[in-house]
């Protein structure tokens, strides 16, 4: 078994990173070389902006290359819960931004010729308990009527041709998609570079200063100054950006991938070939890879650590969950096990905008693979003075009480959700 991301291991590396020292002045410095930062840089460079991307590791190193490979439209919450908290107008606007994000990805992939196995697959939200289906049905009725007619409610009988495990029904979101995350992020970096953006890897920002309306960024590879700065680091945000660190909770998300399944195993496990997520609070999500591996993930453990030891412990839990859902795969080998950090907010709504001289987009709370490219471009447009299409503009973002960057409270949160799953 390999303890590294399947997406990283099966994609070519990015070859267009700036090799020389990067000292100099730019119109915009983007911190973070994932989907958000690279899409913003591409959009800015297309407009003639002199832009540099400062990535602490390599492009796609963080959440963009460590996720489950889903591009699911829809919110992290149920639509009814989002409408109650945000109000109907903003809830619909945010929901439709997630719809638009899939369209944005599809358009960029076509325009830039990125070979990343993009496919409109549809997503199944699967009811693990009968009472969960009742909740799904209520949510579906409101969502279908008010925001997304491209949805359907499926019965257990309907699911026999979709997934080889018994569930109590599901909601199908037809716009959702999937792609190879590693190939996409490398292709996006190459596209941004072709448009004129400078991509600097191994350029962690050590210090950020603002003087006389200009930003100075001291990095591991030199000193960069810029008229504007965008922070797009999510759960990997460092302590020199404390405003965001106090509002972002880094939570480990862990994933395993089987060996390639045979045609018979695919037919018995995932005949519908969609993205799937179950309805438990500590839930699981899964899909087939382009080479027919089952990629299966979840929180597994409430930890903010992702290293080989932590990933291995979480991988063992995921293996147990996989076999519980798909006992027919009990003897199938696991080829990959990896983890990464998800940037959660207290209310699980993303945030994007402008604060104290800095632009930002983060807090995707498990839905960043699909939203981040679109939101990165949206913030880039705002930086360019174009009409502001940010669905999160001016949404209040309070600190997480008692949180200063290390989420000491995660085990307690895990116990709470385990209790909910047991009794609900």
Protein backbone atom coordinates (compact mmCIF):
# COMPACT_ATOMS: atom_id res chain seq x y z
CA UNK A 1 0.00 0.00 0.00
CA UNK A 2 1.20 3.48 -0.86
CA UNK A 3 0.74 6.22 1.74
CA UNK A 4 0.27 9.03 -0.74
CA UNK A 5 -2.56 10.59 -2.68
CA UNK A 6 -3.74 8.60 -5.67
CA UNK A 7 -4.25 11.94 -7.46
CA UNK A 8 -0.63 12.95 -6.89
CA UNK A 9 0.77 9.55 -7.80
CA UNK A 10 -1.10 9.23 -11.10
CA UNK A 11 -0.56 12.75 -12.49
CA UNK A 12 2.51 14.25 -14.12
CA UNK A 13 4.23 16.96 -12.11
CA UNK A 14 3.92 20.63 -13.01
CA UNK A 15 6.99 21.68 -15.00
CA UNK A 16 6.35 25.41 -15.37
CA UNK A 17 7.32 26.66 -11.92
CA UNK A 18 9.70 29.63 -11.70
CA UNK A 19 13.15 28.32 -10.88
CA UNK A 20 15.13 31.50 -10.32
CA UNK A 21 14.84 33.80 -7.27
CA UNK A 22 11.45 35.50 -7.30
CA UNK A 23 12.27 38.91 -5.84
CA UNK A 24 10.35 41.73 -7.49
CA UNK A 25 7.14 43.72 -7.64
CA UNK A 26 3.80 42.40 -8.92
CA UNK A 27 0.33 43.81 -9.31
CA UNK A 28 -1.06 40.84 -7.35
CA UNK A 29 0.47 38.14 -5.18
CA UNK A 30 -1.71 35.05 -4.67
CA UNK A 31 -0.78 32.90 -1.68
CA UNK A 32 -1.66 29.25 -2.26
CA UNK A 33 -1.27 27.11 -5.38
CA UNK A 34 -4.45 25.06 -5.24
CA UNK A 35 -7.65 25.38 -7.25
CA UNK A 36 -8.60 28.75 -5.70
CA UNK A 37 -5.25 30.47 -6.13
CA UNK A 38 -4.49 29.08 -9.58
CA UNK A 39 -7.93 29.93 -10.98
CA UNK A 40 -7.63 33.47 -9.59
CA UNK A 41 -4.15 33.82 -11.09
CA UNK A 42 -5.35 32.58 -14.48
CA UNK A 43 -8.23 35.04 -14.48
CA UNK A 44 -5.98 37.93 -13.45
CA UNK A 45 -3.30 37.06 -16.00
CA UNK A 46 -5.90 36.87 -18.79
CA UNK A 47 -6.74 40.50 -17.97
CA UNK A 48 -3.09 41.55 -18.31
CA UNK A 49 -2.33 41.67 -14.57
CA UNK A 50 1.22 40.91 -13.47
CA UNK A 51 0.54 38.13 -10.94
CA UNK A 52 2.62 35.65 -8.95
CA UNK A 53 1.41 32.54 -7.13
CA UNK A 54 3.36 31.72 -3.96
CA UNK A 55 2.98 28.04 -3.05
CA UNK A 56 4.65 26.64 0.06
CA UNK A 57 5.06 23.14 -1.42
CA UNK A 58 4.05 22.16 -4.97
CA UNK A 59 0.88 23.03 -6.87
CA UNK A 60 -2.05 20.97 -5.62
CA UNK A 61 -0.13 19.80 -2.55
CA UNK A 62 -2.95 20.61 -0.11
CA UNK A 63 -6.68 20.00 -0.25
CA UNK A 64 -6.79 20.31 -4.06
CA UNK A 65 -4.76 17.11 -4.36
CA UNK A 66 -5.98 15.27 -1.26
CA UNK A 67 -9.75 15.08 -1.69
CA UNK A 68 -12.17 12.36 -2.79
CA UNK A 69 -12.53 13.53 -6.37
CA UNK A 70 -16.16 14.67 -6.18
CA UNK A 71 -17.57 17.75 -7.90
CA UNK A 72 -20.93 17.88 -6.19
CA UNK A 73 -23.34 20.73 -6.63
CA UNK A 74 -25.40 21.54 -3.56
CA UNK A 75 -24.45 22.81 -0.13
CA UNK A 76 -22.71 21.15 2.78
CA UNK A 77 -26.04 21.65 4.58
CA UNK A 78 -29.52 20.62 3.64
CA UNK A 79 -31.22 23.33 1.62
CA UNK A 80 -33.87 23.91 4.31
CA UNK A 81 -31.20 24.45 6.97
CA UNK A 82 -29.30 26.86 4.72
CA UNK A 83 -32.47 28.81 3.95
CA UNK A 84 -33.27 29.11 7.65
CA UNK A 85 -29.79 30.38 8.51
CA UNK A 86 -28.99 32.54 5.48
CA UNK A 87 -32.42 33.52 4.24
CA UNK A 88 -33.99 32.27 1.04
CA UNK A 89 -32.32 34.72 -1.34
CA UNK A 90 -28.73 34.12 -0.19
CA UNK A 91 -29.27 30.37 0.19
CA UNK A 92 -30.45 30.15 -3.42
CA UNK A 93 -27.60 32.39 -4.61
CA UNK A 94 -25.02 30.20 -2.88
CA UNK A 95 -26.65 27.02 -4.14
CA UNK A 96 -26.62 28.34 -7.70
CA UNK A 97 -22.98 29.40 -7.32
CA UNK A 98 -22.20 25.74 -6.68
CA UNK A 99 -24.21 24.84 -9.79
CA UNK A 100 -22.29 27.45 -11.78
CA UNK A 101 -19.01 26.12 -10.42
CA UNK A 102 -19.50 22.83 -12.27
CA UNK A 103 -20.21 24.77 -15.47
CA UNK A 104 -17.08 26.87 -14.85
CA UNK A 105 -14.92 23.79 -14.46
CA UNK A 106 -16.33 22.22 -17.60
CA UNK A 107 -15.68 25.41 -19.59
CA UNK A 108 -12.07 25.83 -18.36
CA UNK A 109 -11.26 22.18 -19.02
CA UNK A 110 -12.56 22.54 -22.59
CA UNK A 111 -10.93 25.94 -23.21
CA UNK A 112 -7.52 24.92 -21.88
CA UNK A 113 -7.58 21.34 -23.18
CA UNK A 114 -7.03 19.78 -19.75
CA UNK A 115 -7.11 15.97 -19.86
CA UNK A 116 -8.56 15.16 -16.42
CA UNK A 117 -11.40 12.66 -16.99
CA UNK A 118 -14.13 15.22 -16.29
CA UNK A 119 -17.58 13.61 -16.41
CA UNK A 120 -21.09 14.66 -15.39
CA UNK A 121 -21.94 11.70 -13.17
CA UNK A 122 -24.66 12.91 -10.81
CA UNK A 123 -24.48 12.59 -7.02
CA UNK A 124 -26.47 10.29 -4.76
CA UNK A 125 -27.14 11.41 -1.17
CA UNK A 126 -27.99 8.01 0.30
CA UNK A 127 -30.25 7.56 3.32
CA UNK A 128 -28.56 5.24 5.81
CA UNK A 129 -31.68 5.09 8.02
CA UNK A 130 -35.40 5.28 7.27
CA UNK A 131 -35.77 8.54 9.23
CA UNK A 132 -32.94 10.00 7.15
CA UNK A 133 -34.96 9.37 4.00
CA UNK A 134 -37.89 11.29 5.48
CA UNK A 135 -35.57 14.24 6.05
CA UNK A 136 -34.12 13.92 2.53
CA UNK A 137 -37.62 13.92 1.08
CA UNK A 138 -38.57 17.14 2.88
CA UNK A 139 -35.38 18.80 1.74
CA UNK A 140 -35.90 17.55 -1.82
CA UNK A 141 -39.41 18.98 -2.06
CA UNK A 142 -38.26 22.50 -1.15
CA UNK A 143 -35.03 22.34 -3.17
CA UNK A 144 -36.69 20.94 -6.28
CA UNK A 145 -39.39 23.61 -6.20
CA UNK A 146 -37.24 26.63 -5.33
CA UNK A 147 -33.67 26.13 -6.51
CA UNK A 148 -32.83 22.98 -8.47
CA UNK A 149 -35.31 21.14 -10.71
CA UNK A 150 -32.46 18.86 -11.86
CA UNK A 151 -32.92 16.67 -8.81
CA UNK A 152 -34.86 13.46 -8.22
CA UNK A 153 -35.94 11.38 -5.25
CA UNK A 154 -35.09 7.69 -5.58
CA UNK A 155 -36.66 4.77 -3.76
CA UNK A 156 -34.75 1.70 -2.51
CA UNK A 157 -35.97 -0.14 -5.62
CA UNK A 158 -34.52 2.60 -7.84
CA UNK A 159 -31.13 2.13 -6.19
CA UNK A 160 -30.69 -1.48 -7.26
CA UNK A 161 -29.21 -0.28 -10.54
CA UNK A 162 -27.11 2.39 -8.82
CA UNK A 163 -25.23 0.97 -5.84
CA UNK A 164 -24.57 -2.57 -4.61
CA UNK A 165 -25.56 -1.95 -1.00
CA UNK A 166 -28.98 -1.50 0.65
CA UNK A 167 -30.06 2.06 1.47
CA UNK A 168 -33.42 3.59 2.34
CA UNK A 169 -33.57 5.80 -0.75
CA UNK A 170 -31.61 8.77 -2.02
CA UNK A 171 -31.69 12.20 -3.56
CA UNK A 172 -30.04 12.45 -6.97
CA UNK A 173 -28.39 15.74 -7.94
CA UNK A 174 -28.00 15.45 -11.70
CA UNK A 175 -25.53 18.31 -12.32
CA UNK A 176 -22.75 16.84 -10.16
CA UNK A 177 -19.56 15.60 -11.75
CA UNK A 178 -16.17 14.00 -11.11
CA UNK A 179 -12.64 14.39 -12.45
CA UNK A 180 -9.02 13.42 -11.84
CA UNK A 181 -7.94 16.07 -9.34
CA UNK A 182 -4.19 15.76 -9.85
CA UNK A 183 -4.38 16.10 -13.62
CA UNK A 184 -6.74 19.04 -13.33
CA UNK A 185 -4.59 21.04 -10.90
CA UNK A 186 -1.46 20.53 -13.02
CA UNK A 187 -3.43 21.52 -16.13
CA UNK A 188 -4.81 24.60 -14.36
CA UNK A 189 -1.31 25.63 -13.27
CA UNK A 190 -0.05 25.19 -16.82
CA UNK A 191 -2.97 27.29 -18.13
CA UNK A 192 -2.26 30.09 -15.65
CA UNK A 193 1.41 30.02 -16.61
CA UNK A 194 0.62 30.16 -20.33
CA UNK A 195 -1.56 33.20 -19.67
CA UNK A 196 1.40 34.96 -18.03
CA UNK A 197 1.15 34.14 -14.32
CA UNK A 198 4.38 33.32 -12.46
CA UNK A 199 4.05 30.11 -10.41
CA UNK A 200 6.59 29.84 -7.58
CA UNK A 201 6.79 26.55 -5.68
CA UNK A 202 8.63 26.03 -2.36
CA UNK A 203 7.93 29.71 -1.68
CA UNK A 204 6.27 29.67 1.74
CA UNK A 205 5.35 33.14 2.98
CA UNK A 206 7.26 33.74 6.21
CA UNK A 207 6.17 37.33 6.88
CA UNK A 208 3.55 39.73 5.55
CA UNK A 209 3.84 43.50 5.98
CA UNK A 210 1.67 46.35 4.73
CA UNK A 211 3.24 49.78 4.32
CA UNK A 212 1.99 52.79 2.36
CA UNK A 213 -0.63 50.73 0.56
CA UNK A 214 1.88 48.14 -0.63
CA UNK A 215 2.30 44.55 0.58
CA UNK A 216 5.71 43.04 1.28
CA UNK A 217 5.92 39.26 1.44
CA UNK A 218 9.08 37.64 2.75
CA UNK A 219 9.19 34.11 1.33
CA UNK A 220 11.51 31.13 1.46
CA UNK A 221 12.80 32.16 -1.99
CA UNK A 222 12.98 35.91 -1.84
CA UNK A 223 11.06 39.10 -1.12
CA UNK A 224 7.99 39.94 -3.19
CA UNK A 225 6.05 43.19 -3.12
CA UNK A 226 2.55 43.60 -4.51
CA UNK A 227 -0.23 46.13 -4.82
CA UNK A 228 -2.82 43.51 -3.87
CA UNK A 229 -2.73 40.17 -2.07
CA UNK A 230 -5.11 37.22 -2.13
CA UNK A 231 -4.95 34.46 0.49
CA UNK A 232 -6.10 31.08 -0.79
CA UNK A 233 -4.56 28.66 1.69
CA UNK A 234 -7.62 27.21 3.48
CA UNK A 235 -6.72 24.69 6.17
CA UNK A 236 -3.02 25.21 5.42
CA UNK A 237 -3.08 28.89 6.42
CA UNK A 238 -0.06 29.83 8.52
CA UNK A 239 0.10 31.81 11.75
CA UNK A 240 1.13 35.05 10.01
CA UNK A 241 -2.47 35.32 8.81
CA UNK A 242 -4.07 35.07 12.23
CA UNK A 243 -7.42 36.59 11.20
CA UNK A 244 -8.13 33.55 9.05
CA UNK A 245 -6.53 31.02 11.41
CA UNK A 246 -9.00 31.96 14.16
CA UNK A 247 -11.91 31.38 11.80
CA UNK A 248 -10.77 28.22 10.00
CA UNK A 249 -10.85 24.82 11.71
CA UNK A 250 -8.47 22.36 10.01
CA UNK A 251 -10.06 18.90 10.08
CA UNK A 252 -8.50 15.72 8.75
CA UNK A 253 -10.23 13.96 5.89
CA UNK A 254 -8.93 10.50 5.05
CA UNK A 255 -9.24 8.35 1.95
CA UNK A 256 -8.36 4.88 0.70
CA UNK A 257 -8.37 3.48 -2.83
CA UNK A 258 -8.68 -0.18 -3.74
CA UNK A 259 -6.87 -1.99 -6.48
CA UNK A 260 -8.64 -1.66 -9.86
CA UNK A 261 -11.90 -3.60 -9.67
CA UNK A 262 -12.89 -6.18 -12.24
CA UNK A 263 -15.93 -5.56 -14.44
CA UNK A 264 -17.89 -8.02 -12.30
CA UNK A 265 -16.86 -6.24 -9.09
CA UNK A 266 -17.87 -2.87 -10.55
CA UNK A 267 -21.25 -4.27 -11.58
CA UNK A 268 -21.79 -5.62 -8.06
CA UNK A 269 -20.65 -2.46 -6.28
CA UNK A 270 -21.14 0.72 -8.30
CA UNK A 271 -23.14 -0.04 -11.46
CA UNK A 272 -24.43 3.56 -11.61
CA UNK A 273 -20.89 5.02 -11.53
CA UNK A 274 -21.93 8.21 -9.71
CA UNK A 275 -20.47 10.07 -6.75
CA UNK A 276 -22.03 8.89 -3.50
CA UNK A 277 -22.28 10.16 0.06
CA UNK A 278 -24.27 8.64 2.89
CA UNK A 279 -26.40 10.51 5.40
CA UNK A 280 -24.53 9.82 8.64
CA UNK A 281 -23.01 12.75 10.56
CA UNK A 282 -19.70 10.89 10.51
CA UNK A 283 -20.34 9.78 6.98
CA UNK A 284 -18.51 8.26 4.07
CA UNK A 285 -18.23 9.20 0.43
CA UNK A 286 -17.08 7.16 -2.55
CA UNK A 287 -16.73 6.94 -6.33
CA UNK A 288 -14.87 4.96 -8.96
CA UNK A 289 -11.57 6.28 -10.27
CA UNK A 290 -10.81 6.44 -14.02
CA UNK A 291 -9.11 3.03 -13.69
CA UNK A 292 -12.03 1.55 -11.68
CA UNK A 293 -10.62 1.71 -8.18
CA UNK A 294 -13.15 2.41 -5.44
CA UNK A 295 -12.05 5.68 -3.81
CA UNK A 296 -13.62 5.68 -0.34
CA UNK A 297 -13.25 8.46 2.24
CA UNK A 298 -14.59 10.10 5.35
CA UNK A 299 -13.63 11.83 8.56
CA UNK A 300 -12.74 8.42 10.17
CA UNK A 301 -11.10 10.21 13.13
CA UNK A 302 -11.56 13.79 14.33
CA UNK A 303 -7.95 14.85 14.00
CA UNK A 304 -6.07 17.84 12.60
CA UNK A 305 -3.02 15.70 11.82
CA UNK A 306 -2.32 14.06 8.49
CA UNK A 307 0.90 12.06 8.36
CA UNK A 308 1.60 8.41 7.59
CA UNK A 309 0.85 7.21 11.11
CA UNK A 310 -2.40 9.18 11.35
CA UNK A 311 -3.42 8.24 7.82
CA UNK A 312 -2.78 4.55 8.52
CA UNK A 313 -4.96 4.58 11.64
CA UNK A 314 -7.73 6.33 9.75
CA UNK A 315 -7.30 4.03 6.77
CA UNK A 316 -7.95 1.00 8.96
CA UNK A 317 -11.22 2.56 10.14
CA UNK A 318 -12.18 3.36 6.56
CA UNK A 319 -11.48 -0.21 5.50
CA UNK A 320 -13.91 -1.42 8.18
CA UNK A 321 -16.55 1.03 6.99
CA UNK A 322 -16.03 0.04 3.35
CA UNK A 323 -16.52 -3.64 4.14
CA UNK A 324 -19.60 -2.84 6.23
CA UNK A 325 -21.19 -1.10 3.24
CA UNK A 326 -19.75 -3.39 0.55
CA UNK A 327 -19.04 -6.82 2.12
CA UNK A 328 -18.43 -8.15 -1.40
CA UNK A 329 -15.13 -6.21 -1.36
CA UNK A 330 -13.86 -7.70 1.92
CA UNK A 331 -10.91 -9.40 0.22
CA UNK A 332 -10.03 -6.61 -2.20
CA UNK A 333 -6.60 -5.08 -1.62
CA UNK A 334 -6.15 -1.42 -0.67
CA UNK A 335 -3.49 0.21 -2.88
CA UNK A 336 -3.54 3.80 -1.58
CA UNK A 337 -4.14 5.48 1.76
CA UNK A 338 -3.85 9.23 2.25
CA UNK A 339 -5.17 12.16 4.19
CA UNK A 340 -5.40 15.91 4.06
CA UNK A 341 -6.90 18.86 5.87
CA UNK A 342 -10.32 20.35 5.14
CA UNK A 343 -10.91 24.03 5.97
CA UNK A 344 -14.10 24.06 8.03
CA UNK A 345 -15.88 27.13 9.33
CA UNK A 346 -18.00 27.10 12.47
CA UNK A 347 -21.24 27.24 10.47
CA UNK A 348 -19.85 25.23 7.50
CA UNK A 349 -20.49 28.04 5.02
CA UNK A 350 -17.52 29.19 2.92
CA UNK A 351 -16.22 32.74 3.08
CA UNK A 352 -14.81 35.04 0.43
CA UNK A 353 -14.21 38.76 0.25
CA UNK A 354 -11.86 41.48 1.47
CA UNK A 355 -10.53 42.18 4.96
CA UNK A 356 -7.89 44.63 6.16
CA UNK A 357 -6.26 45.02 2.76
CA UNK A 358 -6.32 41.33 1.84
CA UNK A 359 -8.62 39.39 -0.50
CA UNK A 360 -9.49 35.80 0.38
CA UNK A 361 -11.58 32.73 -0.45
CA UNK A 362 -11.64 29.66 1.81
CA UNK A 363 -13.69 27.76 4.40
CA UNK A 364 -15.18 25.39 1.83
CA UNK A 365 -16.06 22.84 4.54
CA UNK A 366 -15.69 19.78 2.33
CA UNK A 367 -17.15 21.31 -0.86
CA UNK A 368 -14.04 23.06 -2.13
CA UNK A 369 -13.19 20.81 -5.07
CA UNK A 370 -16.18 22.14 -6.97
CA UNK A 371 -16.56 25.69 -5.62
CA UNK A 372 -12.93 26.81 -5.34
CA UNK A 373 -12.19 27.37 -9.04
CA UNK A 374 -15.37 29.39 -9.50
CA UNK A 375 -14.88 31.42 -6.33
CA UNK A 376 -11.22 32.09 -7.13
CA UNK A 377 -12.30 33.58 -10.46
CA UNK A 378 -15.10 35.53 -8.76
CA UNK A 379 -12.66 37.18 -6.34
CA UNK A 380 -10.21 37.86 -9.18
CA UNK A 381 -12.99 39.69 -11.03
CA UNK A 382 -13.69 41.77 -7.93
CA UNK A 383 -9.99 42.63 -7.70
CA UNK A 384 -10.14 43.77 -11.32
CA UNK A 385 -13.05 46.08 -10.55
CA UNK A 386 -15.56 44.01 -12.48
CA UNK A 387 -19.16 43.50 -11.23
CA UNK A 388 -19.05 41.70 -7.89
CA UNK A 389 -20.76 38.31 -8.20
CA UNK A 390 -19.59 37.04 -4.80
CA UNK A 391 -22.54 35.18 -3.19
CA UNK A 392 -20.79 35.45 0.21
CA UNK A 393 -20.11 39.18 0.18
CA UNK A 394 -20.49 40.79 3.64
CA UNK A 395 -21.50 37.50 5.29
CA UNK A 396 -20.45 37.83 8.93
CA UNK A 397 -17.52 35.64 9.92
CA UNK A 398 -17.10 35.44 13.70
CA UNK A 399 -14.09 33.77 15.33
CA UNK A 400 -14.34 30.27 16.72
CA UNK A 401 -14.31 30.79 20.51
CA UNK A 402 -11.14 29.51 22.12
CA UNK A 403 -9.54 28.68 18.77
CA UNK A 404 -6.17 30.14 17.82
CA UNK A 405 -5.08 27.72 15.08
CA UNK A 406 -4.80 24.31 16.77
CA UNK A 407 -8.28 22.73 17.12
CA UNK A 408 -7.91 21.13 20.56
CA UNK A 409 -11.67 20.54 20.70
CA UNK A 410 -11.95 18.13 17.73
CA UNK A 411 -12.14 14.91 19.83
CA UNK A 412 -15.10 16.38 21.72
CA UNK A 413 -16.80 17.24 18.43
CA UNK A 414 -16.22 13.67 17.28
CA UNK A 415 -17.87 12.25 20.41
CA UNK A 416 -20.86 14.53 19.87
CA UNK A 417 -21.39 13.41 16.27
CA UNK A 418 -20.91 9.75 17.20
CA UNK A 419 -23.72 10.16 19.73
CA UNK A 420 -25.95 11.77 17.10
CA UNK A 421 -25.30 8.91 14.68
CA UNK A 422 -26.14 6.36 17.34
CA UNK A 423 -29.46 7.84 18.40
CA UNK A 424 -30.76 9.63 15.29
